[in-house]
N, C-alpha and C. Protein backbone atom coordinates (compact mmCIF):
# COMPACT_ATOMS: atom_id res chain seq x y z
N UNK A 1 11.07 -22.67 24.96
CA UNK A 1 9.58 -23.04 25.03
C UNK A 1 9.09 -22.82 23.91
N UNK A 2 7.85 -23.37 23.63
CA UNK A 2 6.63 -22.73 22.93
C UNK A 2 5.74 -22.37 22.99
N UNK A 3 4.78 -21.57 22.39
CA UNK A 3 3.22 -21.26 22.76
C UNK A 3 2.34 -21.86 21.70
N UNK A 4 0.98 -22.06 21.91
CA UNK A 4 0.14 -21.88 21.00
C UNK A 4 -0.63 -20.41 20.99
N UNK A 5 -0.62 -19.81 19.47
CA UNK A 5 -1.23 -18.55 19.33
C UNK A 5 -2.69 -18.80 18.84
N UNK A 6 -3.50 -18.50 19.31
CA UNK A 6 -5.28 -18.21 18.55
C UNK A 6 -5.78 -16.93 18.81
N UNK A 7 -6.01 -16.61 17.38
CA UNK A 7 -6.26 -15.34 17.02
C UNK A 7 -7.86 -15.75 16.27
N UNK A 8 -8.79 -14.86 17.11
CA UNK A 8 -10.17 -15.12 16.47
C UNK A 8 -10.70 -13.54 16.28
N UNK A 9 -11.30 -12.99 14.88
CA UNK A 9 -11.33 -11.74 14.43
C UNK A 9 -13.04 -12.11 14.57
N UNK A 10 -13.86 -11.44 15.21
CA UNK A 10 -14.96 -11.36 15.44
C UNK A 10 -15.79 -9.61 15.91
N UNK A 11 -17.28 -9.75 15.83
CA UNK A 11 -18.09 -8.48 16.20
C UNK A 11 -17.17 -8.28 17.40
N UNK A 12 -17.11 -6.60 17.31
CA UNK A 12 -16.50 -6.15 19.03
C UNK A 12 -17.39 -6.02 19.90
N UNK A 13 -18.47 -6.47 19.44
CA UNK A 13 -19.77 -6.14 20.88
C UNK A 13 -19.41 -7.57 21.43
N UNK A 14 -18.88 -8.61 21.01
CA UNK A 14 -18.51 -10.38 21.58
C UNK A 14 -17.54 -9.90 22.23
N UNK A 15 -16.58 -9.14 22.32
CA UNK A 15 -15.49 -9.32 23.28
C UNK A 15 -15.11 -9.77 24.21
N UNK A 16 -16.25 -9.51 25.12
CA UNK A 16 -16.26 -9.91 26.71
C UNK A 16 -16.59 -11.32 26.55
N UNK A 17 -17.54 -11.81 25.84
CA UNK A 17 -17.52 -13.26 25.69
C UNK A 17 -16.58 -14.24 24.96
N UNK A 18 -16.25 -13.57 24.22
CA UNK A 18 -14.60 -14.36 23.71
C UNK A 18 -13.33 -14.45 24.26
N UNK A 19 -13.40 -13.13 25.37
CA UNK A 19 -12.09 -12.97 26.44
C UNK A 19 -12.66 -14.21 27.25
N UNK A 20 -13.96 -14.26 27.36
CA UNK A 20 -14.12 -15.32 28.91
C UNK A 20 -13.69 -16.52 28.28
N UNK A 21 -14.19 -16.91 26.82
CA UNK A 21 -13.75 -18.24 26.53
C UNK A 21 -12.19 -18.45 27.00
N UNK A 22 -11.54 -17.42 26.13
CA UNK A 22 -10.43 -17.68 26.37
C UNK A 22 -9.64 -17.95 27.79
N UNK A 23 -10.11 -17.53 28.48
CA UNK A 23 -10.05 -17.38 30.32
C UNK A 23 -9.82 -19.28 30.51
N UNK A 24 -10.36 -19.98 29.58
CA UNK A 24 -10.49 -21.60 30.07
C UNK A 24 -9.33 -22.42 29.70
N UNK A 25 -8.43 -21.41 28.98
CA UNK A 25 -6.69 -22.14 27.88
C UNK A 25 -6.04 -21.64 28.59
N UNK A 26 -5.87 -20.21 28.50
CA UNK A 26 -4.79 -19.55 29.13
C UNK A 26 -4.70 -18.24 30.19
N UNK A 27 -3.94 -18.02 30.94
CA UNK A 27 -4.29 -16.92 32.10
C UNK A 27 -3.48 -15.64 31.77
N UNK A 28 -2.38 -15.85 30.63
CA UNK A 28 -1.20 -14.71 30.51
C UNK A 28 -1.73 -13.36 29.64
N UNK A 29 -3.21 -13.04 29.96
CA UNK A 29 -3.40 -11.96 29.03
C UNK A 29 -3.94 -12.39 27.79
N UNK A 30 -4.40 -11.50 27.01
CA UNK A 30 -5.09 -11.30 25.60
C UNK A 30 -4.76 -9.53 24.66
N UNK A 31 -4.28 -10.13 23.74
CA UNK A 31 -3.91 -8.86 22.70
C UNK A 31 -5.36 -8.80 21.89
N UNK A 32 -5.60 -7.17 22.32
CA UNK A 32 -7.00 -6.79 21.44
C UNK A 32 -6.24 -5.94 20.39
N UNK A 33 -6.72 -6.20 19.16
CA UNK A 33 -6.31 -4.86 18.07
C UNK A 33 -7.22 -4.82 16.88
N UNK A 34 -7.60 -3.71 16.55
CA UNK A 34 -8.48 -3.35 15.82
C UNK A 34 -8.42 -3.74 14.42
N UNK A 35 -9.32 -4.15 13.26
CA UNK A 35 -9.23 -4.78 12.17
C UNK A 35 -9.13 -3.49 11.34
N UNK A 36 -8.16 -3.37 10.44
CA UNK A 36 -8.09 -2.09 9.41
C UNK A 36 -9.28 -2.20 8.85
N UNK A 37 -9.58 -0.76 8.87
CA UNK A 37 -11.09 -0.39 7.94
C UNK A 37 -12.46 -0.95 8.19
N UNK A 38 -12.65 -1.65 9.89
CA UNK A 38 -13.46 -2.38 9.74
C UNK A 38 -13.65 -1.95 11.23
N UNK A 39 -14.31 -0.78 11.79
CA UNK A 39 -14.55 -0.62 13.14
C UNK A 39 -15.13 -1.28 13.99
N UNK A 40 -16.23 -2.12 13.25
CA UNK A 40 -16.88 -3.32 14.06
C UNK A 40 -16.26 -4.85 14.26
N UNK A 41 -15.11 -4.59 13.96
CA UNK A 41 -14.56 -6.29 14.30
C UNK A 41 -13.35 -5.55 15.04
N UNK A 42 -13.21 -6.92 15.85
CA UNK A 42 -11.84 -6.77 16.58
C UNK A 42 -11.06 -7.86 16.66
N UNK A 43 -9.73 -7.81 16.54
CA UNK A 43 -8.79 -9.31 16.30
C UNK A 43 -8.46 -9.64 17.98
N UNK A 44 -8.76 -10.86 19.00
CA UNK A 44 -8.63 -11.31 19.93
C UNK A 44 -7.21 -12.13 19.47
N UNK A 45 -6.55 -11.96 20.69
CA UNK A 45 -5.04 -13.57 20.59
C UNK A 45 -4.82 -13.82 22.08
N UNK A 46 -4.75 -14.88 21.99
CA UNK A 46 -3.91 -15.22 23.31
C UNK A 46 -3.21 -16.38 23.39
N UNK A 47 -2.71 -16.52 24.10
CA UNK A 47 -1.47 -17.50 24.30
C UNK A 47 -1.41 -18.59 25.01
N UNK A 48 -1.52 -19.96 24.56
CA UNK A 48 -1.79 -21.09 25.69
C UNK A 48 -0.82 -21.83 25.48
N UNK A 49 -0.45 -22.78 26.50
CA UNK A 49 0.90 -23.44 26.77
C UNK A 49 1.09 -24.89 25.93
N UNK A 50 1.90 -25.58 25.06
CA UNK A 50 1.79 -26.06 24.26
C UNK A 50 1.84 -27.86 24.85
N UNK A 51 1.30 -27.88 26.26
CA UNK A 51 1.12 -29.02 26.67
C UNK A 51 -0.56 -29.04 26.16
N UNK A 52 -1.27 -28.19 26.14
CA UNK A 52 -2.76 -28.43 25.38
C UNK A 52 -2.85 -28.68 24.35
N UNK A 53 -3.59 -29.13 23.36
CA UNK A 53 -4.07 -29.69 22.59
C UNK A 53 -4.81 -28.74 21.61
N UNK A 54 -4.05 -27.96 20.34
CA UNK A 54 -3.99 -27.33 19.59
C UNK A 54 -5.49 -27.25 18.70
N UNK A 55 -5.66 -28.63 18.28
CA UNK A 55 -7.11 -28.92 17.53
C UNK A 55 -8.22 -28.95 18.49
N UNK A 56 -8.07 -29.06 19.32
CA UNK A 56 -8.94 -29.70 20.53
C UNK A 56 -9.41 -28.30 20.90
N UNK A 57 -8.71 -27.23 21.19
CA UNK A 57 -8.68 -25.77 21.55
C UNK A 57 -9.77 -25.08 20.66
N UNK A 58 -9.10 -25.25 19.27
CA UNK A 58 -9.96 -24.51 18.33
C UNK A 58 -11.24 -25.09 18.05
N UNK A 59 -11.57 -26.41 17.93
CA UNK A 59 -12.52 -26.91 17.48
C UNK A 59 -13.63 -26.79 19.07
N UNK A 60 -13.34 -26.85 20.24
CA UNK A 60 -13.77 -26.48 21.18
C UNK A 60 -14.59 -24.53 21.24
N UNK A 61 -13.55 -24.09 20.86
CA UNK A 61 -13.85 -22.36 20.36
C UNK A 61 -15.19 -22.74 19.73
N UNK A 62 -14.96 -23.06 18.47
CA UNK A 62 -15.64 -23.03 17.37
C UNK A 62 -17.19 -23.56 17.63
N UNK A 63 -17.28 -24.59 18.74
CA UNK A 63 -18.26 -25.05 19.14
C UNK A 63 -19.11 -23.98 19.90
N UNK A 64 -18.12 -23.44 20.82
CA UNK A 64 -19.20 -22.65 22.18
C UNK A 64 -19.53 -21.47 21.11
N UNK A 65 -18.61 -21.29 20.42
CA UNK A 65 -18.94 -19.39 19.57
C UNK A 65 -20.13 -19.74 18.90
N UNK A 66 -20.58 -21.07 17.82
CA UNK A 66 -21.65 -20.92 17.78
C UNK A 66 -22.70 -21.46 18.72
N UNK A 67 -22.72 -21.84 19.48
CA UNK A 67 -23.92 -22.06 20.29
C UNK A 67 -24.40 -20.57 21.20
N UNK A 68 -23.57 -19.88 21.22
CA UNK A 68 -23.73 -18.62 21.92
C UNK A 68 -23.93 -17.83 20.76
N UNK A 69 -24.14 -17.94 19.62
CA UNK A 69 -24.38 -17.37 18.67
C UNK A 69 -23.54 -16.03 18.66
N UNK A 70 -22.42 -16.26 18.37
CA UNK A 70 -21.22 -15.03 17.97
C UNK A 70 -20.61 -15.50 16.73
N UNK A 71 -20.79 -14.52 16.26
CA UNK A 71 -20.18 -13.80 14.73
C UNK A 71 -18.61 -14.07 14.63
N UNK A 72 -18.10 -15.04 13.82
CA UNK A 72 -16.74 -15.10 13.84
C UNK A 72 -16.42 -15.02 12.33
N UNK A 73 -15.54 -14.03 12.30
CA UNK A 73 -14.89 -13.88 10.70
C UNK A 73 -13.56 -14.97 10.47
N UNK A 74 -12.99 -15.16 11.41
CA UNK A 74 -11.95 -16.27 11.66
C UNK A 74 -11.65 -16.55 12.69
N UNK A 75 -10.66 -17.95 12.84
CA UNK A 75 -10.14 -18.12 13.94
C UNK A 75 -8.43 -18.96 13.23
N UNK A 76 -7.70 -18.14 13.80
CA UNK A 76 -6.32 -18.49 13.36
C UNK A 76 -5.37 -19.65 14.68
N UNK A 77 -4.69 -20.10 14.00
CA UNK A 77 -3.83 -20.90 15.13
C UNK A 77 -2.57 -20.84 14.67
N UNK A 78 -1.42 -21.00 15.47
CA UNK A 78 -0.43 -21.13 15.10
C UNK A 78 0.66 -21.46 16.48
N UNK A 79 2.05 -22.00 16.19
CA UNK A 79 3.09 -22.44 17.49
C UNK A 79 3.76 -21.29 16.80
N UNK A 80 4.41 -20.95 18.17
CA UNK A 80 5.12 -19.64 18.14
C UNK A 80 6.47 -20.20 19.41
N UNK A 81 7.65 -19.96 18.83
CA UNK A 81 8.71 -19.81 19.63
C UNK A 81 8.55 -19.17 20.94
N UNK A 82 9.22 -18.77 22.14
CA UNK A 82 9.14 -18.22 23.10
C UNK A 82 9.99 -16.90 22.78
N UNK A 83 10.83 -17.04 22.16
CA UNK A 83 12.17 -15.73 21.79
C UNK A 83 11.00 -14.91 20.98
N UNK A 84 10.01 -15.37 19.92
CA UNK A 84 9.37 -14.54 19.04
C UNK A 84 8.07 -14.16 19.92
N UNK A 85 7.25 -15.04 20.78
CA UNK A 85 6.53 -14.10 22.14
C UNK A 85 6.77 -13.38 22.55
N UNK A 86 8.17 -13.68 23.00
CA UNK A 86 8.48 -12.78 24.23
C UNK A 86 9.01 -11.11 23.86
N UNK A 87 9.25 -11.28 22.62
CA UNK A 87 9.64 -10.20 21.87
C UNK A 87 8.30 -9.31 21.07
N UNK A 88 7.67 -10.25 20.85
CA UNK A 88 6.35 -9.33 19.99
C UNK A 88 5.62 -8.22 20.88
N UNK A 89 5.44 -8.36 21.78
CA UNK A 89 4.55 -7.61 22.51
C UNK A 89 5.46 -5.95 22.44
N UNK A 90 6.73 -6.14 22.37
CA UNK A 90 7.52 -4.39 22.01
C UNK A 90 6.70 -3.69 21.29
N UNK A 91 6.42 -4.27 19.74
CA UNK A 91 5.57 -3.32 18.66
C UNK A 91 4.10 -2.84 19.29
N UNK A 92 3.70 -3.30 20.33
CA UNK A 92 2.51 -2.37 20.81
C UNK A 92 2.59 -1.15 21.73
N UNK A 93 4.10 -1.00 22.24
CA UNK A 93 4.41 -0.04 23.42
C UNK A 93 4.94 1.16 22.74
N UNK A 94 4.49 2.13 22.79
CA UNK A 94 5.03 3.81 22.24
C UNK A 94 5.30 4.21 23.21
N UNK A 95 5.89 5.93 22.88
CA UNK A 95 6.19 6.95 23.64
C UNK A 95 4.76 7.03 24.15
N UNK A 96 4.64 7.53 25.43
CA UNK A 96 3.91 8.19 25.86
C UNK A 96 4.15 9.62 26.83
N UNK A 97 3.59 10.91 26.27
CA UNK A 97 3.64 12.37 26.75
C UNK A 97 2.73 12.25 27.87
N UNK A 98 3.05 12.19 29.33
CA UNK A 98 2.28 12.31 30.24
C UNK A 98 2.12 13.77 30.78
N UNK A 99 3.09 14.75 30.01
CA UNK A 99 3.03 15.94 30.61
C UNK A 99 3.52 16.54 29.66
N UNK A 100 3.70 18.02 29.44
CA UNK A 100 4.64 18.69 28.31
C UNK A 100 5.96 18.85 28.71
N UNK A 101 6.60 18.03 27.65
CA UNK A 101 8.04 18.03 27.88
C UNK A 101 8.84 16.66 28.59
N UNK A 102 7.35 16.14 29.14
CA UNK A 102 7.54 14.49 30.10
C UNK A 102 7.07 13.59 29.41
N UNK A 103 7.82 12.36 28.66
CA UNK A 103 7.59 11.38 27.79
C UNK A 103 8.14 10.11 28.77
N UNK A 104 7.24 9.45 28.58
CA UNK A 104 7.70 8.03 29.01
C UNK A 104 8.07 7.24 27.37
N UNK A 105 9.11 6.92 27.34
CA UNK A 105 9.75 5.96 25.98
C UNK A 105 10.45 4.81 26.45
N UNK A 106 9.28 3.78 26.37
CA UNK A 106 10.17 2.52 26.30
C UNK A 106 11.62 2.14 25.78
């Protein structure tokens, strides 16, 4: 199975508005990443079902973001194979020390 990946780099203060827009296309979660050397920017990524029209989603997001006066640095789209998508989350999981000498290590 394949997925549509849509990533938006925008101002951090617009996170709630952008994630609300993403809810119209996908309900499987959103990845939030800091933009290196840009503390006021954030990269938000969602994964939508391939049955949706990727170009229509991108055009609709661009229109709605413009209407809401949200400054967007970039909108990127891609098609991902499920095996890539299923394993990519692992890069974000790190060992966590919850007590001295007690570490959760996935």
